[in-house]
PDB file of N, CA and C in Angstrom:
ATOM      1  N   UNK A   1     158.777 138.186 153.644  1.00  0.00           N
ATOM      2  CA  UNK A   1     159.178 140.023 153.881  1.00  0.00           C
ATOM      3  C   UNK A   1     159.692 140.337 155.407  1.00  0.00           C
ATOM      4  N   UNK A   2     160.922 140.415 155.044  1.00  0.00           N
ATOM      5  CA  UNK A   2     161.947 141.072 156.099  1.00  0.00           C
ATOM      6  C   UNK A   2     161.209 142.240 156.837  1.00  0.00           C
ATOM      7  N   UNK A   3     161.785 141.866 158.532  1.00  0.00           N
ATOM      8  CA  UNK A   3     160.905 143.242 159.048  1.00  0.00           C
ATOM      9  C   UNK A   3     162.230 144.013 159.646  1.00  0.00           C
ATOM     10  N   UNK A   4     162.625 145.103 160.477  1.00  0.00           N
ATOM     11  CA  UNK A   4     163.156 145.723 160.377  1.00  0.00           C
ATOM     12  C   UNK A   4     162.318 145.673 162.299  1.00  0.00           C
ATOM     13  N   UNK A   5     162.491 145.652 162.990  1.00  0.00           N
ATOM     14  CA  UNK A   5     161.733 145.908 164.233  1.00  0.00           C
ATOM     15  C   UNK A   5     163.241 146.509 164.856  1.00  0.00           C
ATOM     16  N   UNK A   6     162.011 147.988 165.225  1.00  0.00           N
ATOM     17  CA  UNK A   6     163.123 149.128 166.035  1.00  0.00           C
ATOM     18  C   UNK A   6     163.622 148.548 167.598  1.00  0.00           C
ATOM     19  N   UNK A   7     164.655 148.589 167.437  1.00  0.00           N
ATOM     20  CA  UNK A   7     165.368 147.872 169.279  1.00  0.00           C
ATOM     21  C   UNK A   7     165.320 148.942 169.889  1.00  0.00           C
ATOM     22  N   UNK A   8     165.146 148.094 171.389  1.00  0.00           N
ATOM     23  CA  UNK A   8     164.524 149.521 172.299  1.00  0.00           C
ATOM     24  C   UNK A   8     166.285 150.213 172.408  1.00  0.00           C
ATOM     25  N   UNK A   9     167.639 149.639 172.233  1.00  0.00           N
ATOM     26  CA  UNK A   9     168.747 150.461 172.215  1.00  0.00           C
ATOM     27  C   UNK A   9     168.752 151.195 171.239  1.00  0.00           C
ATOM     28  N   UNK A  10     168.045 151.300 169.907  1.00  0.00           N
ATOM     29  CA  UNK A  10     167.782 152.321 168.973  1.00  0.00           C
ATOM     30  C   UNK A  10     166.867 153.414 169.477  1.00  0.00           C
ATOM     31  N   UNK A  11     165.507 152.676 170.159  1.00  0.00           N
ATOM     32  CA  UNK A  11     164.728 153.927 170.729  1.00  0.00           C
ATOM     33  C   UNK A  11     165.295 154.830 172.083  1.00  0.00           C
ATOM     34  N   UNK A  12     166.043 153.757 173.004  1.00  0.00           N
ATOM     35  CA  UNK A  12     166.648 154.802 173.509  1.00  0.00           C
ATOM     36  C   UNK A  12     167.748 156.005 173.278  1.00  0.00           C
ATOM     37  N   UNK A  13     168.586 155.137 172.196  1.00  0.00           N
ATOM     38  CA  UNK A  13     169.452 156.863 171.845  1.00  0.00           C
ATOM     39  C   UNK A  13     168.459 157.865 171.134  1.00  0.00           C
ATOM     40  N   UNK A  14     167.594 157.344 169.841  1.00  0.00           N
ATOM     41  CA  UNK A  14     166.593 158.344 170.060  1.00  0.00           C
ATOM     42  C   UNK A  14     165.923 159.101 170.327  1.00  0.00           C
ATOM     43  N   UNK A  15     165.243 158.988 171.720  1.00  0.00           N
ATOM     44  CA  UNK A  15     164.767 159.343 172.869  1.00  0.00           C
ATOM     45  C   UNK A  15     165.757 159.974 173.757  1.00  0.00           C
ATOM     46  N   UNK A  16     166.969 159.818 174.123  1.00  0.00           N
ATOM     47  CA  UNK A  16     167.890 160.801 174.500  1.00  0.00           C
ATOM     48  C   UNK A  16     168.789 161.565 173.846  1.00  0.00           C
ATOM     49  N   UNK A  17     169.010 161.410 172.671  1.00  0.00           N
ATOM     50  CA  UNK A  17     169.040 162.761 171.726  1.00  0.00           C
ATOM     51  C   UNK A  17     167.834 163.807 171.617  1.00  0.00           C
ATOM     52  N   UNK A  18     166.785 163.084 171.526  1.00  0.00           N
ATOM     53  CA  UNK A  18     165.560 164.353 171.323  1.00  0.00           C
ATOM     54  C   UNK A  18     165.625 165.158 172.650  1.00  0.00           C
ATOM     55  N   UNK A  19     165.525 164.340 173.276  1.00  0.00           N
ATOM     56  CA  UNK A  19     165.758 165.396 174.716  1.00  0.00           C
ATOM     57  C   UNK A  19     166.451 166.433 174.820  1.00  0.00           C
ATOM     58  N   UNK A  20     167.997 165.710 174.833  1.00  0.00           N
ATOM     59  CA  UNK A  20     169.168 166.863 174.229  1.00  0.00           C
ATOM     60  C   UNK A  20     168.456 168.358 173.709  1.00  0.00           C
ATOM     61  N   UNK A  21     168.476 167.757 172.440  1.00  0.00           N
ATOM     62  CA  UNK A  21     168.303 168.943 171.882  1.00  0.00           C
ATOM     63  C   UNK A  21     167.082 169.540 172.064  1.00  0.00           C
ATOM     64  N   UNK A  22     166.226 169.055 172.888  1.00  0.00           N
ATOM     65  CA  UNK A  22     164.911 169.992 173.103  1.00  0.00           C
ATOM     66  C   UNK A  22     165.472 171.150 174.586  1.00  0.00           C
ATOM     67  N   UNK A  23     166.395 170.187 175.774  1.00  0.00           N
ATOM     68  CA  UNK A  23     167.379 171.210 176.494  1.00  0.00           C
ATOM     69  C   UNK A  23     168.245 171.880 176.257  1.00  0.00           C
ATOM     70  N   UNK A  24     169.132 171.682 174.492  1.00  0.00           N
ATOM     71  CA  UNK A  24     169.594 172.825 173.982  1.00  0.00           C
ATOM     72  C   UNK A  24     169.000 173.972 173.674  1.00  0.00           C
ATOM     73  N   UNK A  25     168.103 173.792 172.632  1.00  0.00           N
ATOM     74  CA  UNK A  25     166.518 174.685 172.612  1.00  0.00           C
ATOM     75  C   UNK A  25     166.424 175.480 173.286  1.00  0.00           C
ATOM     76  N   UNK A  26     166.295 174.982 174.496  1.00  0.00           N
ATOM     77  CA  UNK A  26     166.225 176.029 175.930  1.00  0.00           C
ATOM     78  C   UNK A  26     166.871 176.574 176.522  1.00  0.00           C
ATOM     79  N   UNK A  27     167.951 176.092 176.088  1.00  0.00           N
ATOM     80  CA  UNK A  27     169.373 176.806 176.578  1.00  0.00           C
ATOM     81  C   UNK A  27     169.798 177.953 176.194  1.00  0.00           C
ATOM     82  N   UNK A  28     168.615 178.109 174.744  1.00  0.00           N
ATOM     83  CA  UNK A  28     168.993 179.470 173.906  1.00  0.00           C
ATOM     84  C   UNK A  28     170.820 179.545 173.588  1.00  0.00           C
ATOM     85  N   UNK A  29     171.104 178.666 172.933  1.00  0.00           N
ATOM     86  CA  UNK A  29     172.846 178.840 172.746  1.00  0.00           C
ATOM     87  C   UNK A  29     173.625 178.453 173.284  1.00  0.00           C
ATOM     88  N   UNK A  30     173.458 178.313 175.110  1.00  0.00           N
ATOM     89  CA  UNK A  30     174.599 178.289 175.653  1.00  0.00           C
ATOM     90  C   UNK A  30     175.053 176.614 175.969  1.00  0.00           C
ATOM     91  N   UNK A  31     175.913 176.327 176.052  1.00  0.00           N
ATOM     92  CA  UNK A  31     176.647 175.351 176.410  1.00  0.00           C
ATOM     93  C   UNK A  31     175.263 174.395 177.581  1.00  0.00           C
ATOM     94  N   UNK A  32     175.096 173.048 177.299  1.00  0.00           N
ATOM     95  CA  UNK A  32     174.664 172.318 178.511  1.00  0.00           C
ATOM     96  C   UNK A  32     175.486 172.051 179.439  1.00  0.00           C
ATOM     97  N   UNK A  33     176.872 172.010 179.749  1.00  0.00           N
ATOM     98  CA  UNK A  33     177.566 171.797 180.717  1.00  0.00           C
ATOM     99  C   UNK A  33     177.265 173.343 181.493  1.00  0.00           C
ATOM    100  N   UNK A  34     177.076 174.365 180.996  1.00  0.00           N
ATOM    101  CA  UNK A  34     177.117 175.719 181.643  1.00  0.00           C
ATOM    102  C   UNK A  34     175.616 175.865 182.386  1.00  0.00           C
ATOM    103  N   UNK A  35     175.214 174.922 181.667  1.00  0.00           N
ATOM    104  CA  UNK A  35     173.337 175.453 181.665  1.00  0.00           C
ATOM    105  C   UNK A  35     172.581 174.562 183.302  1.00  0.00           C
ATOM    106  N   UNK A  36     172.482 175.480 184.134  1.00  0.00           N
ATOM    107  CA  UNK A  36     171.797 174.797 185.326  1.00  0.00           C
ATOM    108  C   UNK A  36     170.754 174.058 184.739  1.00  0.00           C
ATOM    109  N   UNK A  37     170.015 173.243 185.654  1.00  0.00           N
ATOM    110  CA  UNK A  37     168.800 172.208 185.092  1.00  0.00           C
ATOM    111  C   UNK A  37     168.143 172.193 186.436  1.00  0.00           C
ATOM    112  N   UNK A  38     166.893 171.796 185.929  1.00  0.00           N
ATOM    113  CA  UNK A  38     165.904 171.236 186.803  1.00  0.00           C
ATOM    114  C   UNK A  38     165.887 169.927 186.618  1.00  0.00           C
ATOM    115  N   UNK A  39     166.457 169.350 187.317  1.00  0.00           N
ATOM    116  CA  UNK A  39     166.490 167.716 187.949  1.00  0.00           C
ATOM    117  C   UNK A  39     165.307 167.175 187.862  1.00  0.00           C
ATOM    118  N   UNK A  40     164.272 167.431 188.466  1.00  0.00           N
ATOM    119  CA  UNK A  40     162.963 167.324 187.913  1.00  0.00           C
ATOM    120  C   UNK A  40     162.391 166.989 187.133  1.00  0.00           C
ATOM    121  N   UNK A  41     162.787 168.068 185.967  1.00  0.00           N
ATOM    122  CA  UNK A  41     161.924 167.883 184.713  1.00  0.00           C
ATOM    123  C   UNK A  41     162.534 167.024 183.922  1.00  0.00           C
ATOM    124  N   UNK A  42     164.128 167.145 184.080  1.00  0.00           N
ATOM    125  CA  UNK A  42     164.748 166.456 183.427  1.00  0.00           C
ATOM    126  C   UNK A  42     164.672 164.794 183.804  1.00  0.00           C
ATOM    127  N   UNK A  43     164.642 164.333 184.473  1.00  0.00           N
ATOM    128  CA  UNK A  43     163.975 163.129 185.281  1.00  0.00           C
ATOM    129  C   UNK A  43     162.359 162.667 184.171  1.00  0.00           C
ATOM    130  N   UNK A  44     161.830 163.709 184.596  1.00  0.00           N
ATOM    131  CA  UNK A  44     160.404 163.550 183.919  1.00  0.00           C
ATOM    132  C   UNK A  44     160.171 163.204 182.273  1.00  0.00           C
ATOM    133  N   UNK A  45     161.259 164.579 181.837  1.00  0.00           N
ATOM    134  CA  UNK A  45     161.387 163.912 180.637  1.00  0.00           C
ATOM    135  C   UNK A  45     162.316 162.811 180.071  1.00  0.00           C
ATOM    136  N   UNK A  46     163.064 162.128 181.009  1.00  0.00           N
ATOM    137  CA  UNK A  46     163.437 160.734 180.492  1.00  0.00           C
ATOM    138  C   UNK A  46     162.616 159.649 180.313  1.00  0.00           C
ATOM    139  N   UNK A  47     161.613 159.652 181.871  1.00  0.00           N
ATOM    140  CA  UNK A  47     160.720 158.723 182.069  1.00  0.00           C
ATOM    141  C   UNK A  47     159.643 159.284 180.630  1.00  0.00           C
ATOM    142  N   UNK A  48     159.150 160.288 180.592  1.00  0.00           N
ATOM    143  CA  UNK A  48     158.491 160.429 179.277  1.00  0.00           C
ATOM    144  C   UNK A  48     158.879 160.057 178.093  1.00  0.00           C
ATOM    145  N   UNK A  49     159.661 160.426 177.707  1.00  0.00           N
ATOM    146  CA  UNK A  49     160.712 159.408 176.096  1.00  0.00           C
ATOM    147  C   UNK A  49     160.716 158.153 176.443  1.00  0.00           C
ATOM    148  N   UNK A  50     161.184 157.403 177.392  1.00  0.00           N
ATOM    149  CA  UNK A  50     161.350 156.095 177.102  1.00  0.00           C
ATOM    150  C   UNK A  50     160.106 155.088 177.845  1.00  0.00           C
ATOM    151  N   UNK A  51     158.948 156.189 177.697  1.00  0.00           N
ATOM    152  CA  UNK A  51     157.202 155.488 177.429  1.00  0.00           C
ATOM    153  C   UNK A  51     156.389 154.755 179.085  1.00  0.00           C
ATOM    154  N   UNK A  52     157.292 155.221 180.181  1.00  0.00           N
ATOM    155  CA  UNK A  52     157.237 155.041 181.633  1.00  0.00           C
ATOM    156  C   UNK A  52     155.463 155.588 181.670  1.00  0.00           C
ATOM    157  N   UNK A  53     154.620 154.509 181.958  1.00  0.00           N
ATOM    158  CA  UNK A  53     153.142 155.074 182.314  1.00  0.00           C
ATOM    159  C   UNK A  53     153.349 155.620 183.304  1.00  0.00           C
ATOM    160  N   UNK A  54     152.197 156.291 183.846  1.00  0.00           N
ATOM    161  CA  UNK A  54     152.092 157.186 185.229  1.00  0.00           C
ATOM    162  C   UNK A  54     152.190 156.285 186.616  1.00  0.00           C
ATOM    163  N   UNK A  55     152.090 154.979 186.989  1.00  0.00           N
ATOM    164  CA  UNK A  55     152.717 154.592 188.280  1.00  0.00           C
ATOM    165  C   UNK A  55     153.529 154.171 188.308  1.00  0.00           C
ATOM    166  N   UNK A  56     154.321 153.760 186.880  1.00  0.00           N
ATOM    167  CA  UNK A  56     155.531 153.449 186.649  1.00  0.00           C
ATOM    168  C   UNK A  56     156.648 155.056 187.160  1.00  0.00           C
ATOM    169  N   UNK A  57     156.078 156.088 186.685  1.00  0.00           N
ATOM    170  CA  UNK A  57     156.767 157.443 186.637  1.00  0.00           C
ATOM    171  C   UNK A  57     156.554 157.603 188.476  1.00  0.00           C
ATOM    172  N   UNK A  58     155.493 157.051 188.896  1.00  0.00           N
ATOM    173  CA  UNK A  58     155.302 157.476 190.502  1.00  0.00           C
ATOM    174  C   UNK A  58     156.307 156.526 190.897  1.00  0.00           C
ATOM    175  N   UNK A  59     156.494 155.524 190.487  1.00  0.00           N
ATOM    176  CA  UNK A  59     157.594 154.605 191.511  1.00  0.00           C
ATOM    177  C   UNK A  59     158.759 155.249 191.256  1.00  0.00           C
ATOM    178  N   UNK A  60     159.246 155.873 190.746  1.00  0.00           N
ATOM    179  CA  UNK A  60     161.000 156.219 189.915  1.00  0.00           C
ATOM    180  C   UNK A  60     160.626 157.346 190.685  1.00  0.00           C
ATOM    181  N   UNK A  61     159.909 157.947 190.567  1.00  0.00           N
ATOM    182  CA  UNK A  61     159.868 159.622 190.905  1.00  0.00           C
ATOM    183  C   UNK A  61     159.684 159.653 192.417  1.00  0.00           C
ATOM    184  N   UNK A  62     158.871 158.909 193.067  1.00  0.00           N
ATOM    185  CA  UNK A  62     158.412 158.827 194.310  1.00  0.00           C
ATOM    186  C   UNK A  62     157.065 159.547 194.125  1.00  0.00           C
ATOM    187  N   UNK A  63     156.165 159.425 195.370  1.00  0.00           N
ATOM    188  CA  UNK A  63     154.781 160.508 195.325  1.00  0.00           C
ATOM    189  C   UNK A  63     155.137 161.765 195.086  1.00  0.00           C
ATOM    190  N   UNK A  64     155.540 162.236 196.231  1.00  0.00           N
ATOM    191  CA  UNK A  64     156.210 163.835 196.195  1.00  0.00           C
ATOM    192  C   UNK A  64     156.301 164.405 195.186  1.00  0.00           C
ATOM    193  N   UNK A  65     157.657 164.195 194.616  1.00  0.00           N
ATOM    194  CA  UNK A  65     158.303 164.582 193.304  1.00  0.00           C
ATOM    195  C   UNK A  65     157.489 164.435 192.045  1.00  0.00           C
ATOM    196  N   UNK A  66     157.028 163.521 191.796  1.00  0.00           N
ATOM    197  CA  UNK A  66     156.061 163.357 190.885  1.00  0.00           C
ATOM    198  C   UNK A  66     155.107 164.480 191.139  1.00  0.00           C
ATOM    199  N   UNK A  67     154.085 164.613 192.053  1.00  0.00           N
ATOM    200  CA  UNK A  67     152.927 165.211 192.207  1.00  0.00           C
ATOM    201  C   UNK A  67     153.581 167.473 192.126  1.00  0.00           C
ATOM    202  N   UNK A  68     154.474 167.020 192.375  1.00  0.00           N
ATOM    203  CA  UNK A  68     155.214 168.547 191.847  1.00  0.00           C
ATOM    204  C   UNK A  68     155.470 168.933 190.605  1.00  0.00           C
ATOM    205  N   UNK A  69     156.304 167.696 190.574  1.00  0.00           N
ATOM    206  CA  UNK A  69     156.240 167.943 188.618  1.00  0.00           C
ATOM    207  C   UNK A  69     154.998 167.969 187.727  1.00  0.00           C
ATOM    208  N   UNK A  70     153.802 167.577 188.178  1.00  0.00           N
ATOM    209  CA  UNK A  70     152.286 167.216 187.547  1.00  0.00           C
ATOM    210  C   UNK A  70     152.273 169.178 187.800  1.00  0.00           C
ATOM    211  N   UNK A  71     152.034 169.726 189.146  1.00  0.00           N
ATOM    212  CA  UNK A  71     151.640 170.369 189.565  1.00  0.00           C
ATOM    213  C   UNK A  71     152.513 171.763 188.764  1.00  0.00           C
ATOM    214  N   UNK A  72     153.706 171.971 188.462  1.00  0.00           N
ATOM    215  CA  UNK A  72     154.882 172.862 188.176  1.00  0.00           C
ATOM    216  C   UNK A  72     154.297 172.645 186.642  1.00  0.00           C
ATOM    217  N   UNK A  73     153.602 171.619 186.037  1.00  0.00           N
ATOM    218  CA  UNK A  73     153.803 171.523 184.029  1.00  0.00           C
ATOM    219  C   UNK A  73     152.339 172.435 184.202  1.00  0.00           C
ATOM    220  N   UNK A  74     151.034 172.107 185.032  1.00  0.00           N
ATOM    221  CA  UNK A  74     149.980 172.817 185.324  1.00  0.00           C
ATOM    222  C   UNK A  74     149.370 174.040 185.333  1.00  0.00           C
ATOM    223  N   UNK A  75     150.974 174.726 185.487  1.00  0.00           N
ATOM    224  CA  UNK A  75     150.870 176.200 185.936  1.00  0.00           C
ATOM    225  C   UNK A  75     151.386 177.015 185.071  1.00  0.00           C
ATOM    226  N   UNK A  76     151.179 178.511 184.787  1.00  0.00           N
ATOM    227  CA  UNK A  76     150.919 179.339 184.007  1.00  0.00           C
ATOM    228  C   UNK A  76     152.836 179.029 183.327  1.00  0.00           C
ATOM    229  N   UNK A  77     152.534 179.740 182.026  1.00  0.00           N
ATOM    230  CA  UNK A  77     154.226 179.458 181.749  1.00  0.00           C
ATOM    231  C   UNK A  77     154.682 180.788 182.554  1.00  0.00           C
ATOM    232  N   UNK A  78     155.965 180.397 183.181  1.00  0.00           N
ATOM    233  CA  UNK A  78     156.687 181.760 183.674  1.00  0.00           C
ATOM    234  C   UNK A  78     158.021 181.922 182.667  1.00  0.00           C
ATOM    235  N   UNK A  79     158.571 183.288 183.089  1.00  0.00           N
ATOM    236  CA  UNK A  79     159.494 183.922 182.004  1.00  0.00           C
ATOM    237  C   UNK A  79     160.703 184.278 182.915  1.00  0.00           C
TER     238      UNK A  79
END
């Protein structure tokens, strides 16, 4: 039986496409070129999308940014 394992490259392309779609949905029809974004959240989306664990995320983001993102995610919804 032949298996077709999902390659890391394919997983990365899929993850990046999903993140792009989420950001487009959040932009409510505006071009992503024109949208100002939260770079911390973009980095967090990328790290979560590629499946990095908590300790790896802290290493990439640094302790302060990691904690700020965690605090932001726990805060009440903002309009």
